[in-house]
PDB file of N, CA and C in Angstrom:
ATOM      1  N   MET A   1     -12.206   1.286  -3.860  1.00  0.00           N
ATOM      2  CA  MET A   1     -11.553   0.223  -4.885  1.00  0.00           C
ATOM      3  C   MET A   1     -12.081  -1.060  -4.567  1.00  0.00           C
ATOM      4  N   GLU A   2     -12.824  -1.875  -5.599  1.00  0.00           N
ATOM      5  CA  GLU A   2     -13.389  -3.295  -5.096  1.00  0.00           C
ATOM      6  C   GLU A   2     -12.452  -4.063  -4.560  1.00  0.00           C
ATOM      7  N   VAL A   3     -11.697  -4.890  -3.669  1.00  0.00           N
ATOM      8  CA  VAL A   3     -10.930  -5.993  -3.163  1.00  0.00           C
ATOM      9  C   VAL A   3     -11.721  -7.060  -4.148  1.00  0.00           C
ATOM     10  N   SER A   4     -10.971  -7.889  -5.001  1.00  0.00           N
ATOM     11  CA  SER A   4     -11.396  -9.144  -5.627  1.00  0.00           C
ATOM     12  C   SER A   4     -11.272 -10.518  -4.550  1.00  0.00           C
ATOM     13  N   LYS A   5     -11.806 -11.891  -4.414  1.00  0.00           N
ATOM     14  CA  LYS A   5     -11.790 -12.383  -3.326  1.00  0.00           C
ATOM     15  C   LYS A   5     -10.803 -12.762  -3.048  1.00  0.00           C
ATOM     16  N   ASN A   6     -10.150 -13.158  -4.378  1.00  0.00           N
ATOM     17  CA  ASN A   6      -8.272 -13.794  -4.284  1.00  0.00           C
ATOM     18  C   ASN A   6      -7.688 -13.290  -2.865  1.00  0.00           C
ATOM     19  N   GLU A   7      -7.628 -11.300  -3.334  1.00  0.00           N
ATOM     20  CA  GLU A   7      -7.094 -10.733  -2.348  1.00  0.00           C
ATOM     21  C   GLU A   7      -7.508 -10.615  -1.290  1.00  0.00           C
ATOM     22  N   LYS A   8      -8.795 -10.494  -0.703  1.00  0.00           N
ATOM     23  CA  LYS A   8      -9.578 -10.396   0.834  1.00  0.00           C
ATOM     24  C   LYS A   8      -9.164 -12.130   1.602  1.00  0.00           C
ATOM     25  N   SER A   9      -8.547 -13.125   0.409  1.00  0.00           N
ATOM     26  CA  SER A   9      -8.423 -14.266   1.411  1.00  0.00           C
ATOM     27  C   SER A   9      -6.672 -14.195   1.585  1.00  0.00           C
ATOM     28  N   ARG A  10      -5.740 -13.179   0.485  1.00  0.00           N
ATOM     29  CA  ARG A  10      -4.529 -13.192   0.994  1.00  0.00           C
ATOM     30  C   ARG A  10      -4.746 -12.236   2.404  1.00  0.00           C
ATOM     31  N   ILE A  11      -5.339 -11.097   1.713  1.00  0.00           N
ATOM     32  CA  ILE A  11      -4.873 -10.295   3.267  1.00  0.00           C
ATOM     33  C   ILE A  11      -5.711 -10.522   4.735  1.00  0.00           C
ATOM     34  N   LEU A  12      -6.872 -11.180   4.548  1.00  0.00           N
ATOM     35  CA  LEU A  12      -7.422 -12.032   5.970  1.00  0.00           C
ATOM     36  C   LEU A  12      -6.160 -13.477   5.884  1.00  0.00           C
ATOM     37  N   LYS A  13      -5.648 -13.925   5.199  1.00  0.00           N
ATOM     38  CA  LYS A  13      -4.433 -15.027   5.755  1.00  0.00           C
ATOM     39  C   LYS A  13      -3.514 -14.470   6.543  1.00  0.00           C
ATOM     40  N   ALA A  14      -2.855 -12.967   5.668  1.00  0.00           N
ATOM     41  CA  ALA A  14      -1.769 -11.865   6.666  1.00  0.00           C
ATOM     42  C   ALA A  14      -2.306 -11.471   7.957  1.00  0.00           C
ATOM     43  N   TYR A  15      -3.646 -11.395   8.275  1.00  0.00           N
ATOM     44  CA  TYR A  15      -4.104 -11.174   9.310  1.00  0.00           C
ATOM     45  C   TYR A  15      -4.102 -12.546  10.245  1.00  0.00           C
ATOM     46  N   PHE A  16      -4.472 -13.507  10.072  1.00  0.00           N
ATOM     47  CA  PHE A  16      -4.527 -14.625  11.051  1.00  0.00           C
ATOM     48  C   PHE A  16      -2.976 -15.192  10.935  1.00  0.00           C
ATOM     49  N   ASP A  17      -2.181 -14.936  10.444  1.00  0.00           N
ATOM     50  CA  ASP A  17      -0.869 -15.362  10.251  1.00  0.00           C
ATOM     51  C   ASP A  17      -0.414 -14.232  11.257  1.00  0.00           C
ATOM     52  N   LYS A  18      -0.936 -13.226  11.666  1.00  0.00           N
ATOM     53  CA  LYS A  18      -0.760 -12.354  12.658  1.00  0.00           C
ATOM     54  C   LYS A  18       0.843 -11.492  12.129  1.00  0.00           C
ATOM     55  N   SER A  19       0.257 -10.981  10.512  1.00  0.00           N
ATOM     56  CA  SER A  19       2.099 -10.479   9.824  1.00  0.00           C
ATOM     57  C   SER A  19       1.187  -9.174   9.640  1.00  0.00           C
ATOM     58  N   ILE A  20       0.039  -8.912  10.187  1.00  0.00           N
ATOM     59  CA  ILE A  20      -0.493  -7.309   9.984  1.00  0.00           C
ATOM     60  C   ILE A  20      -1.968  -7.102  11.333  1.00  0.00           C
ATOM     61  N   THR A  21      -1.452  -5.840  11.183  1.00  0.00           N
ATOM     62  CA  THR A  21      -2.719  -5.791  12.501  1.00  0.00           C
ATOM     63  C   THR A  21      -4.289  -5.386  12.013  1.00  0.00           C
ATOM     64  N   LYS A  22      -4.668  -5.381  12.891  1.00  0.00           N
ATOM     65  CA  LYS A  22      -6.386  -5.928  12.442  1.00  0.00           C
ATOM     66  C   LYS A  22      -6.845  -4.318  11.402  1.00  0.00           C
ATOM     67  N   GLN A  23      -5.988  -3.744  11.707  1.00  0.00           N
ATOM     68  CA  GLN A  23      -5.903  -1.768  11.442  1.00  0.00           C
ATOM     69  C   GLN A  23      -6.005  -1.449   9.824  1.00  0.00           C
ATOM     70  N   GLU A  24      -4.363  -2.532   9.767  1.00  0.00           N
ATOM     71  CA  GLU A  24      -3.841  -2.748   8.377  1.00  0.00           C
ATOM     72  C   GLU A  24      -4.825  -3.231   7.332  1.00  0.00           C
ATOM     73  N   MET A  25      -5.472  -4.280   8.602  1.00  0.00           N
ATOM     74  CA  MET A  25      -6.124  -5.358   7.315  1.00  0.00           C
ATOM     75  C   MET A  25      -7.426  -4.667   7.157  1.00  0.00           C
ATOM     76  N   GLU A  26      -7.976  -3.757   7.972  1.00  0.00           N
ATOM     77  CA  GLU A  26      -9.382  -3.387   7.513  1.00  0.00           C
ATOM     78  C   GLU A  26      -8.568  -1.788   6.391  1.00  0.00           C
ATOM     79  N   ASN A  27      -7.629  -1.352   6.745  1.00  0.00           N
ATOM     80  CA  ASN A  27      -7.086  -0.298   5.739  1.00  0.00           C
ATOM     81  C   ASN A  27      -7.227  -1.021   4.408  1.00  0.00           C
ATOM     82  N   LEU A  28      -6.780  -1.942   4.434  1.00  0.00           N
ATOM     83  CA  LEU A  28      -6.450  -3.047   2.866  1.00  0.00           C
ATOM     84  C   LEU A  28      -7.813  -3.621   2.030  1.00  0.00           C
ATOM     85  N   LEU A  29      -8.674  -3.552   3.342  1.00  0.00           N
ATOM     86  CA  LEU A  29     -10.094  -4.106   2.801  1.00  0.00           C
ATOM     87  C   LEU A  29     -11.481  -2.591   2.366  1.00  0.00           C
ATOM     88  N   ILE A  30     -10.947  -1.870   2.506  1.00  0.00           N
ATOM     89  CA  ILE A  30     -11.479  -0.376   2.322  1.00  0.00           C
ATOM     90  C   ILE A  30     -11.393  -0.017   1.346  1.00  0.00           C
ATOM     91  N   HIS A  31      -9.386   0.628   1.271  1.00  0.00           N
ATOM     92  CA  HIS A  31      -9.386   1.412   0.615  1.00  0.00           C
ATOM     93  C   HIS A  31      -8.281   0.671  -0.695  1.00  0.00           C
ATOM     94  N   GLY A  32      -8.192  -1.021  -0.660  1.00  0.00           N
ATOM     95  CA  GLY A  32      -7.990  -1.564  -2.040  1.00  0.00           C
ATOM     96  C   GLY A  32      -6.545  -1.679  -1.863  1.00  0.00           C
ATOM     97  N   ILE A  33      -5.980  -2.308  -3.071  1.00  0.00           N
ATOM     98  CA  ILE A  33      -4.672  -3.007  -3.178  1.00  0.00           C
ATOM     99  C   ILE A  33      -3.748  -2.339  -3.961  1.00  0.00           C
ATOM    100  N   VAL A  34      -4.426  -1.250  -4.939  1.00  0.00           N
ATOM    101  CA  VAL A  34      -4.196  -0.727  -6.140  1.00  0.00           C
ATOM    102  C   VAL A  34      -2.995   0.744  -5.807  1.00  0.00           C
ATOM    103  N   MET A  35      -1.723   0.380  -6.334  1.00  0.00           N
ATOM    104  CA  MET A  35      -1.137   1.876  -6.187  1.00  0.00           C
ATOM    105  C   MET A  35      -0.189   1.795  -7.196  1.00  0.00           C
ATOM    106  N   SER A  36      -0.078   3.211  -7.838  1.00  0.00           N
ATOM    107  CA  SER A  36      -0.096   4.163  -8.709  1.00  0.00           C
ATOM    108  C   SER A  36       1.814   3.337  -8.976  1.00  0.00           C
ATOM    109  N   PRO A  37       2.311   3.444 -10.437  1.00  0.00           N
ATOM    110  CA  PRO A  37       3.214   3.193 -10.375  1.00  0.00           C
ATOM    111  C   PRO A  37       4.225   4.250 -10.345  1.00  0.00           C
ATOM    112  N   VAL A  38       3.932   5.404  -9.502  1.00  0.00           N
ATOM    113  CA  VAL A  38       5.178   6.719  -8.730  1.00  0.00           C
ATOM    114  C   VAL A  38       4.037   6.887  -7.777  1.00  0.00           C
ATOM    115  N   SER A  39       5.014   7.231  -6.899  1.00  0.00           N
ATOM    116  CA  SER A  39       3.965   7.566  -5.835  1.00  0.00           C
ATOM    117  C   SER A  39       3.647   9.089  -6.063  1.00  0.00           C
ATOM    118  N   TRP A  40       2.495   9.639  -5.454  1.00  0.00           N
ATOM    119  CA  TRP A  40       2.093  11.202  -5.684  1.00  0.00           C
ATOM    120  C   TRP A  40       3.030  11.962  -5.101  1.00  0.00           C
ATOM    121  N   ILE A  41       3.220  13.427  -5.281  1.00  0.00           N
ATOM    122  CA  ILE A  41       3.520  14.413  -4.462  1.00  0.00           C
ATOM    123  C   ILE A  41       2.212  14.500  -3.533  1.00  0.00           C
ATOM    124  N   PHE A  42       2.109  14.513  -2.107  1.00  0.00           N
ATOM    125  CA  PHE A  42       2.010  15.019  -0.960  1.00  0.00           C
ATOM    126  C   PHE A  42       1.851  16.359   0.026  1.00  0.00           C
ATOM    127  N   ALA A  43       0.362  16.736   0.093  1.00  0.00           N
ATOM    128  CA  ALA A  43       0.629  18.642   0.952  1.00  0.00           C
ATOM    129  C   ALA A  43       1.312  18.116   2.178  1.00  0.00           C
ATOM    130  N   THR A  44       1.403  17.187   2.792  1.00  0.00           N
ATOM    131  CA  THR A  44       1.585  16.558   3.949  1.00  0.00           C
ATOM    132  C   THR A  44       2.863  15.726   4.017  1.00  0.00           C
ATOM    133  N   GLU A  45       3.609  16.159   5.380  1.00  0.00           N
ATOM    134  CA  GLU A  45       4.825  14.402   5.222  1.00  0.00           C
ATOM    135  C   GLU A  45       3.899  13.138   6.043  1.00  0.00           C
ATOM    136  N   ALA A  46       2.802  13.786   6.565  1.00  0.00           N
ATOM    137  CA  ALA A  46       2.125  12.440   7.209  1.00  0.00           C
ATOM    138  C   ALA A  46       1.326  11.700   6.231  1.00  0.00           C
ATOM    139  N   GLU A  47       0.926  12.551   5.317  1.00  0.00           N
ATOM    140  CA  GLU A  47      -0.035  12.118   4.298  1.00  0.00           C
ATOM    141  C   GLU A  47       1.012  11.003   3.347  1.00  0.00           C
ATOM    142  N   GLN A  48       2.499  11.582   3.126  1.00  0.00           N
ATOM    143  CA  GLN A  48       3.524  10.578   2.347  1.00  0.00           C
ATOM    144  C   GLN A  48       3.722   9.508   2.972  1.00  0.00           C
ATOM    145  N   LEU A  49       4.157   9.710   4.423  1.00  0.00           N
ATOM    146  CA  LEU A  49       4.341   8.617   5.378  1.00  0.00           C
ATOM    147  C   LEU A  49       3.145   7.596   5.461  1.00  0.00           C
ATOM    148  N   LYS A  50       1.578   7.877   4.814  1.00  0.00           N
ATOM    149  CA  LYS A  50       0.654   7.097   5.163  1.00  0.00           C
ATOM    150  C   LYS A  50       1.160   6.643   3.944  1.00  0.00           C
ATOM    151  N   ASP A  51       1.074   6.770   3.159  1.00  0.00           N
ATOM    152  CA  ASP A  51       1.185   6.089   1.891  1.00  0.00           C
ATOM    153  C   ASP A  51       2.652   5.341   0.816  1.00  0.00           C
ATOM    154  N   LYS A  52       3.323   5.886   1.885  1.00  0.00           N
ATOM    155  CA  LYS A  52       4.639   4.509   1.804  1.00  0.00           C
ATOM    156  C   LYS A  52       4.321   3.517   2.519  1.00  0.00           C
ATOM    157  N   GLN A  53       3.781   3.423   3.907  1.00  0.00           N
ATOM    158  CA  GLN A  53       3.544   2.870   4.743  1.00  0.00           C
ATOM    159  C   GLN A  53       2.611   1.277   4.253  1.00  0.00           C
ATOM    160  N   ARG A  54       1.333   2.453   3.089  1.00  0.00           N
ATOM    161  CA  ARG A  54       0.920   1.356   2.783  1.00  0.00           C
ATOM    162  C   ARG A  54       1.072   0.929   1.172  1.00  0.00           C
ATOM    163  N   ARG A  55       1.639   1.157   0.922  1.00  0.00           N
ATOM    164  CA  ARG A  55       3.060   0.725  -0.130  1.00  0.00           C
ATOM    165  C   ARG A  55       3.741  -0.900   0.421  1.00  0.00           C
ATOM    166  N   GLN A  56       4.077  -0.287   1.487  1.00  0.00           N
ATOM    167  CA  GLN A  56       5.449  -1.237   1.761  1.00  0.00           C
ATOM    168  C   GLN A  56       3.779  -2.691   2.326  1.00  0.00           C
ATOM    169  N   LEU A  57       3.114  -2.372   2.836  1.00  0.00           N
ATOM    170  CA  LEU A  57       2.715  -3.254   3.753  1.00  0.00           C
ATOM    171  C   LEU A  57       1.607  -4.036   2.266  1.00  0.00           C
ATOM    172  N   ILE A  58       0.992  -3.542   1.130  1.00  0.00           N
ATOM    173  CA  ILE A  58       1.167  -4.098  -0.395  1.00  0.00           C
ATOM    174  C   ILE A  58       1.737  -5.215  -0.615  1.00  0.00           C
ATOM    175  N   CYS A  59       3.225  -4.714  -0.749  1.00  0.00           N
ATOM    176  CA  CYS A  59       4.554  -5.160  -0.899  1.00  0.00           C
ATOM    177  C   CYS A  59       4.238  -6.726  -0.008  1.00  0.00           C
ATOM    178  N   ARG A  60       4.902  -6.425   0.844  1.00  0.00           N
ATOM    179  CA  ARG A  60       4.909  -7.770   1.754  1.00  0.00           C
ATOM    180  C   ARG A  60       3.833  -8.741   1.706  1.00  0.00           C
ATOM    181  N   ILE A  61       2.475  -8.411   1.992  1.00  0.00           N
ATOM    182  CA  ILE A  61       1.629  -9.264   1.743  1.00  0.00           C
ATOM    183  C   ILE A  61       1.727 -10.217   0.861  1.00  0.00           C
ATOM    184  N   PHE A  62       1.102  -9.088  -0.895  1.00  0.00           N
ATOM    185  CA  PHE A  62       1.113  -9.866  -1.815  1.00  0.00           C
ATOM    186  C   PHE A  62       2.746 -10.421  -2.768  1.00  0.00           C
ATOM    187  N   GLY A  63       3.844 -10.360  -2.039  1.00  0.00           N
ATOM    188  CA  GLY A  63       5.035 -10.918  -2.319  1.00  0.00           C
ATOM    189  C   GLY A  63       5.676  -9.450  -3.118  1.00  0.00           C
ATOM    190  N   LEU A  64       5.297  -7.908  -3.370  1.00  0.00           N
ATOM    191  CA  LEU A  64       5.206  -7.287  -4.716  1.00  0.00           C
ATOM    192  C   LEU A  64       7.049  -6.687  -4.175  1.00  0.00           C
ATOM    193  N   THR A  65       7.661  -5.876  -5.458  1.00  0.00           N
ATOM    194  CA  THR A  65       8.484  -5.142  -5.417  1.00  0.00           C
ATOM    195  C   THR A  65       8.302  -3.718  -5.711  1.00  0.00           C
ATOM    196  N   ASP A  66       8.301  -2.897  -4.767  1.00  0.00           N
ATOM    197  CA  ASP A  66       8.164  -1.284  -5.188  1.00  0.00           C
ATOM    198  C   ASP A  66       9.100  -0.618  -5.121  1.00  0.00           C
ATOM    199  N   ILE A  67       9.532  -0.007  -6.513  1.00  0.00           N
ATOM    200  CA  ILE A  67      10.570   0.567  -6.927  1.00  0.00           C
ATOM    201  C   ILE A  67      10.195   2.321  -7.050  1.00  0.00           C
ATOM    202  N   GLU A  68      11.085   3.170  -6.318  1.00  0.00           N
ATOM    203  CA  GLU A  68      11.044   3.941  -5.731  1.00  0.00           C
ATOM    204  C   GLU A  68      11.682   4.914  -7.129  1.00  0.00           C
ATOM    205  N   ILE A  69      10.783   5.519  -7.692  1.00  0.00           N
ATOM    206  CA  ILE A  69      11.228   6.481  -8.516  1.00  0.00           C
ATOM    207  C   ILE A  69       9.985   8.017  -7.855  1.00  0.00           C
ATOM    208  N   ASN A  70      11.599   8.655  -8.012  1.00  0.00           N
ATOM    209  CA  ASN A  70      11.144  10.339  -7.929  1.00  0.00           C
ATOM    210  C   ASN A  70      11.300  11.197  -8.791  1.00  0.00           C
ATOM    211  N   TRP A  71       9.950  12.180  -8.137  1.00  0.00           N
ATOM    212  CA  TRP A  71       9.832  13.363  -9.327  1.00  0.00           C
ATOM    213  C   TRP A  71      11.006  14.503  -9.850  1.00  0.00           C
ATOM    214  N   VAL A  72      11.481  14.360 -10.660  1.00  0.00           N
ATOM    215  CA  VAL A  72      12.286  15.606 -11.131  1.00  0.00           C
ATOM    216  C   VAL A  72      11.986  17.086 -11.223  1.00  0.00           C
ATOM    217  N   ASP A  73      12.643  17.787 -11.277  1.00  0.00           N
ATOM    218  CA  ASP A  73      12.150  18.681 -11.534  1.00  0.00           C
ATOM    219  C   ASP A  73      13.007  19.634 -12.587  1.00  0.00           C
ATOM    220  N   GLY A  74      12.326  19.520 -13.929  1.00  0.00           N
ATOM    221  CA  GLY A  74      12.868  19.493 -15.182  1.00  0.00           C
ATOM    222  C   GLY A  74      12.734  21.096 -15.248  1.00  0.00           C
ATOM    223  N   THR A  75      12.905  22.164 -14.865  1.00  0.00           N
ATOM    224  CA  THR A  75      13.252  23.505 -14.576  1.00  0.00           C
ATOM    225  C   THR A  75      14.435  23.712 -14.953  1.00  0.00           C
ATOM    226  N   ALA A  76      15.851  23.136 -14.121  1.00  0.00           N
ATOM    227  CA  ALA A  76      17.271  23.341 -13.900  1.00  0.00           C
ATOM    228  C   ALA A  76      18.009  23.222 -14.938  1.00  0.00           C
TER     229      ALA A  76
END
């Protein structure tokens, strides 16, 4: 996913303000800042934790609020 110039500048500003690490900055520049409205169900807890941290990072940099919606099993 390509990151716009405005998004890049906000990510770089957060890095220069020392509110994110170099690794976090690179991760956002490579993978973009698009996040789905609902978190996916991941195969491992490590993937789930990585996605949660990425979502929190995006919210922190761009001043967004991430509403946590959980999947519900409708078979009960």
